[in-house]
Amino acid sequence: MAAAWIIEWSLHRKDSPIQDVRPHILPRHWEADRVLDYMRCLFWNSPLSTPFETLIRVNKRKPEGILILNQGRRLIYGDATHLTAC
């Protein structure tokens, strides 16, 4: 068993507005749903979205056009540019 959840960006293109691609490290004892909540906030507060779009979509559990996968030990949140946790 791993010691932590590691969240990383998967960038769709090299000229992505995401500049800081350092991994986010969360406690292993966090449940997958809590990690997905963290990923949701991280995604919508990234430079991929305008503040107005963030305000509208951050609280939606399943925003249109967003892939949300919970495969137990592997989580994905986003679209072409997305976050992966394992």
C-alpha atoms as a PDB file:
ATOM      1  CA  MET A   1       0.000   0.000   0.000  1.00  0.00           C
ATOM      2  CA  ALA A   2       1.270   3.449  -0.902  1.00  0.00           C
ATOM      3  CA  ALA A   3       1.918   5.996   1.824  1.00  0.00           C
ATOM      4  CA  ALA A   4      -0.075   8.802   0.149  1.00  0.00           C
ATOM      5  CA  TRP A   5      -2.402   9.829  -2.649  1.00  0.00           C
ATOM      6  CA  ILE A   6      -0.376  11.448  -5.448  1.00  0.00           C
ATOM      7  CA  ILE A   7      -2.304  13.847  -7.713  1.00  0.00           C
ATOM      8  CA  GLU A   8      -0.722  14.901 -10.997  1.00  0.00           C
ATOM      9  CA  TRP A   9      -1.756  16.926 -14.026  1.00  0.00           C
ATOM     10  CA  SER A  10      -1.998  15.219 -17.421  1.00  0.00           C
ATOM     11  CA  LEU A  11      -1.620  18.061 -19.895  1.00  0.00           C
ATOM     12  CA  HIS A  12      -3.346  17.871 -23.261  1.00  0.00           C
ATOM     13  CA  ARG A  13      -0.909  20.213 -24.991  1.00  0.00           C
ATOM     14  CA  LYS A  14       2.548  21.654 -24.370  1.00  0.00           C
ATOM     15  CA  ASP A  15       1.322  25.269 -24.336  1.00  0.00           C
ATOM     16  CA  SER A  16      -1.141  24.590 -21.507  1.00  0.00           C
ATOM     17  CA  PRO A  17      -1.811  27.477 -19.105  1.00  0.00           C
ATOM     18  CA  ILE A  18      -0.968  25.086 -16.257  1.00  0.00           C
ATOM     19  CA  GLN A  19       2.577  26.047 -15.294  1.00  0.00           C
ATOM     20  CA  ASP A  20       2.988  24.374 -11.920  1.00  0.00           C
ATOM     21  CA  VAL A  21       2.860  20.627 -12.527  1.00  0.00           C
ATOM     22  CA  ARG A  22       4.298  19.568  -9.187  1.00  0.00           C
ATOM     23  CA  PRO A  23       2.312  16.690  -7.684  1.00  0.00           C
ATOM     24  CA  HIS A  24      -0.107  17.273  -4.856  1.00  0.00           C
ATOM     25  CA  ILE A  25       0.351  14.805  -2.008  1.00  0.00           C
ATOM     26  CA  LEU A  26      -2.587  13.906   0.220  1.00  0.00           C
ATOM     27  CA  PRO A  27      -2.868  11.489   3.156  1.00  0.00           C
ATOM     28  CA  ARG A  28      -3.464   7.850   2.168  1.00  0.00           C
ATOM     29  CA  HIS A  29      -6.251   7.466   4.735  1.00  0.00           C
ATOM     30  CA  TRP A  30      -8.435   9.943   2.813  1.00  0.00           C
ATOM     31  CA  GLU A  31     -11.392   8.269   1.124  1.00  0.00           C
ATOM     32  CA  ALA A  32     -11.565   8.421  -2.682  1.00  0.00           C
ATOM     33  CA  ASP A  33     -14.571  10.784  -2.583  1.00  0.00           C
ATOM     34  CA  ARG A  34     -12.627  13.276  -0.488  1.00  0.00           C
ATOM     35  CA  VAL A  35      -9.686  13.122  -2.896  1.00  0.00           C
ATOM     36  CA  LEU A  36     -12.079  13.670  -5.828  1.00  0.00           C
ATOM     37  CA  ASP A  37     -13.460  16.751  -4.039  1.00  0.00           C
ATOM     38  CA  TYR A  38      -9.909  18.081  -3.719  1.00  0.00           C
ATOM     39  CA  MET A  39      -9.277  17.366  -7.417  1.00  0.00           C
ATOM     40  CA  ARG A  40     -12.538  19.116  -8.370  1.00  0.00           C
ATOM     41  CA  CYS A  41     -11.514  22.274  -6.513  1.00  0.00           C
ATOM     42  CA  LEU A  42      -7.982  22.124  -7.908  1.00  0.00           C
ATOM     43  CA  PHE A  43      -9.274  21.730 -11.470  1.00  0.00           C
ATOM     44  CA  TRP A  44     -11.791  24.584 -11.297  1.00  0.00           C
ATOM     45  CA  ASN A  45      -9.361  26.949  -9.573  1.00  0.00           C
ATOM     46  CA  SER A  46      -6.673  26.351 -12.197  1.00  0.00           C
ATOM     47  CA  PRO A  47      -5.880  28.757 -15.056  1.00  0.00           C
ATOM     48  CA  LEU A  48      -8.000  26.534 -17.330  1.00  0.00           C
ATOM     49  CA  SER A  49     -11.134  28.331 -16.148  1.00  0.00           C
ATOM     50  CA  THR A  50     -12.175  31.930 -15.761  1.00  0.00           C
ATOM     51  CA  PRO A  51     -13.307  33.029 -12.284  1.00  0.00           C
ATOM     52  CA  PHE A  52     -16.888  33.256 -13.594  1.00  0.00           C
ATOM     53  CA  GLU A  53     -16.789  29.695 -14.980  1.00  0.00           C
ATOM     54  CA  THR A  54     -15.278  28.466 -11.706  1.00  0.00           C
ATOM     55  CA  LEU A  55     -18.064  30.117  -9.733  1.00  0.00           C
ATOM     56  CA  ILE A  56     -20.706  28.401 -11.861  1.00  0.00           C
ATOM     57  CA  ARG A  57     -19.175  24.916 -12.070  1.00  0.00           C
ATOM     58  CA  VAL A  58     -17.076  24.238  -8.942  1.00  0.00           C
ATOM     59  CA  ASN A  59     -20.042  23.120  -6.837  1.00  0.00           C
ATOM     60  CA  LYS A  60     -21.560  20.838  -9.458  1.00  0.00           C
ATOM     61  CA  ARG A  61     -20.913  17.185  -8.693  1.00  0.00           C
ATOM     62  CA  LYS A  62     -20.978  16.184 -12.377  1.00  0.00           C
ATOM     63  CA  PRO A  63     -20.375  19.198 -14.635  1.00  0.00           C
ATOM     64  CA  GLU A  64     -21.166  18.667 -18.304  1.00  0.00           C
ATOM     65  CA  GLY A  65     -18.116  17.715 -20.379  1.00  0.00           C
ATOM     66  CA  ILE A  66     -16.020  16.614 -17.389  1.00  0.00           C
ATOM     67  CA  LEU A  67     -14.785  13.055 -16.963  1.00  0.00           C
ATOM     68  CA  ILE A  68     -14.982  11.801 -13.378  1.00  0.00           C
ATOM     69  CA  LEU A  69     -13.648   8.294 -12.821  1.00  0.00           C
ATOM     70  CA  ASN A  70     -13.346   6.481  -9.524  1.00  0.00           C
ATOM     71  CA  GLN A  71     -11.560   3.183 -10.086  1.00  0.00           C
ATOM     72  CA  GLY A  72     -10.723   2.657  -6.428  1.00  0.00           C
ATOM     73  CA  ARG A  73      -6.963   3.206  -6.369  1.00  0.00           C
ATOM     74  CA  ARG A  74      -7.042   5.429  -9.483  1.00  0.00           C
ATOM     75  CA  LEU A  75      -9.077   8.606  -9.851  1.00  0.00           C
ATOM     76  CA  ILE A  76      -9.455  10.975 -12.806  1.00  0.00           C
ATOM     77  CA  TYR A  77     -11.071  14.415 -12.955  1.00  0.00           C
ATOM     78  CA  GLY A  78     -11.147  16.766 -15.937  1.00  0.00           C
ATOM     79  CA  ASP A  79     -11.318  16.786 -19.701  1.00  0.00           C
ATOM     80  CA  ALA A  80      -8.467  16.624 -22.231  1.00  0.00           C
ATOM     81  CA  THR A  81      -6.278  18.214 -19.556  1.00  0.00           C
ATOM     82  CA  HIS A  82      -7.096  16.355 -16.357  1.00  0.00           C
ATOM     83  CA  LEU A  83      -5.922  15.338 -12.920  1.00  0.00           C
ATOM     84  CA  THR A  84      -5.012  11.764 -12.059  1.00  0.00           C
ATOM     85  CA  ALA A  85      -4.668  10.419  -8.531  1.00  0.00           C
ATOM     86  CA  CYS A  86      -3.299   7.079  -7.450  1.00  0.00           C
END
